[in-house]
Amino acid sequence: MIITTTERISDKELETLGIVKGSTIQSKNIGRDIMSGFKTIVGGELQSYTIMMNEARALATKRMVEDAESLGADAIVCMRYASSSVMAGAAEVIAYGTAVKFK
């Protein structure tokens, strides 16, 4: 599956199939929160959160690809990520784009 943030794929004529998406909601771990709270005192990267968000983006992308495959897509164009807080201590990550088939 080709995934791109551009509107086109070189040398390909595209047929639009529709919008596809994948999402996940991740919650904070109490142990992770306590250690990250200490880290905010001295500054620096919160590595456990970086890892959590990387895993969330990977899962959202996987689910988006599955959605595209169910439509018979060859690629996803105009792919984007977004995130938002859904409640205290939990965030959603969504991957979305346009599923296309090669003509």
Protein backbone atom coordinates (compact mmCIF):
# COMPACT_ATOMS: atom_id res chain seq x y z
CA MET A 1 0.00 0.00 0.00
CA ILE A 2 1.42 3.36 -1.03
CA ILE A 3 0.76 6.12 1.49
CA THR A 4 1.60 9.70 0.62
CA THR A 5 0.85 13.19 1.91
CA THR A 6 0.71 14.51 -1.67
CA GLU A 7 -2.40 14.70 -3.87
CA ARG A 8 -0.88 12.70 -6.70
CA ILE A 9 1.39 9.73 -7.31
CA SER A 10 3.89 10.15 -10.15
CA ASP A 11 2.95 8.42 -13.40
CA LYS A 12 -0.35 7.11 -11.99
CA GLU A 13 -3.88 8.03 -12.95
CA LEU A 14 -6.06 7.77 -9.86
CA GLU A 15 -9.69 6.89 -9.23
CA THR A 16 -10.96 8.23 -5.89
CA LEU A 17 -12.66 5.64 -3.69
CA GLY A 18 -13.35 7.74 -0.60
CA ILE A 19 -12.10 8.88 2.75
CA VAL A 20 -10.43 6.30 4.98
CA LYS A 21 -9.42 6.57 8.61
CA GLY A 22 -8.01 4.71 11.55
CA SER A 23 -7.84 5.81 15.15
CA THR A 24 -6.89 4.79 18.64
CA ILE A 25 -7.32 6.29 22.08
CA GLN A 26 -4.38 5.97 24.44
CA SER A 27 -4.50 6.60 28.16
CA LYS A 28 -1.67 7.57 30.43
CA ASN A 29 -0.12 5.05 32.79
CA ILE A 30 0.01 6.23 36.44
CA GLY A 31 3.65 5.14 36.76
CA ARG A 32 4.49 6.92 33.52
CA ASP A 33 2.69 10.04 34.81
CA ILE A 34 4.63 10.14 38.06
CA MET A 35 8.00 9.78 36.35
CA SER A 36 7.06 12.32 33.68
CA GLY A 37 5.95 14.73 36.39
CA PHE A 38 9.44 14.58 37.88
CA LYS A 39 10.95 15.09 34.41
CA THR A 40 8.98 18.31 33.90
CA ILE A 41 10.82 19.82 36.85
CA VAL A 42 14.20 19.53 35.12
CA GLY A 43 13.02 19.62 31.51
CA GLY A 44 13.79 17.38 28.56
CA GLU A 45 12.03 14.82 26.42
CA LEU A 46 9.33 12.67 28.00
CA GLN A 47 10.50 9.48 26.29
CA SER A 48 7.69 7.27 27.58
CA TYR A 49 5.15 9.64 25.99
CA THR A 50 7.13 9.78 22.75
CA ILE A 51 7.04 5.98 22.60
CA MET A 52 3.32 5.91 23.44
CA MET A 53 2.49 8.43 20.69
CA ASN A 54 4.67 6.62 18.11
CA GLU A 55 2.82 3.39 18.91
CA ALA A 56 -0.53 5.19 18.67
CA ARG A 57 0.34 6.65 15.24
CA ALA A 58 1.47 3.21 14.01
CA LEU A 59 -1.79 1.59 15.17
CA ALA A 60 -3.93 4.37 13.66
CA THR A 61 -2.03 4.02 10.36
CA LYS A 62 -2.51 0.23 10.36
CA ARG A 63 -6.25 0.67 10.89
CA MET A 64 -6.45 3.29 8.12
CA VAL A 65 -4.68 0.91 5.71
CA GLU A 66 -7.11 -1.88 6.65
CA ASP A 67 -10.00 0.50 5.91
CA ALA A 68 -8.47 1.32 2.50
CA GLU A 69 -7.84 -2.36 1.70
CA SER A 70 -11.51 -3.13 2.42
CA LEU A 71 -12.37 -0.69 -0.41
CA GLY A 72 -9.88 -2.34 -2.77
CA ALA A 73 -7.51 0.66 -2.72
CA ASP A 74 -4.02 0.63 -4.17
CA ALA A 75 -2.90 3.74 -2.28
CA ILE A 76 -3.84 6.50 0.14
CA VAL A 77 -3.18 10.11 -0.84
CA CYS A 78 -3.39 13.33 1.19
CA MET A 79 -2.68 11.34 4.37
CA ARG A 80 -2.67 13.30 7.64
CA TYR A 81 -2.52 12.73 11.40
CA ALA A 82 -4.48 14.57 14.06
CA SER A 83 -4.72 14.18 17.81
CA SER A 84 -6.97 15.50 20.51
CA SER A 85 -7.69 15.07 24.16
CA VAL A 86 -10.90 13.10 24.68
CA MET A 87 -10.91 13.16 28.48
CA ALA A 88 -8.50 13.78 31.32
CA GLY A 89 -5.56 11.46 30.79
CA ALA A 90 -6.58 10.12 27.36
CA ALA A 91 -5.80 11.24 23.82
CA GLU A 92 -7.05 10.13 20.41
CA VAL A 93 -4.73 9.81 17.43
CA ILE A 94 -6.38 9.59 14.02
CA ALA A 95 -4.81 8.88 10.64
CA TYR A 96 -6.90 9.81 7.61
CA GLY A 97 -6.62 10.25 3.88
CA THR A 98 -8.21 9.51 0.52
CA ALA A 99 -8.24 5.94 -0.76
CA VAL A 100 -7.48 5.63 -4.48
CA LYS A 101 -7.26 2.91 -7.09
CA PHE A 102 -4.87 3.00 -10.05
CA LYS A 103 -6.60 3.26 -13.46
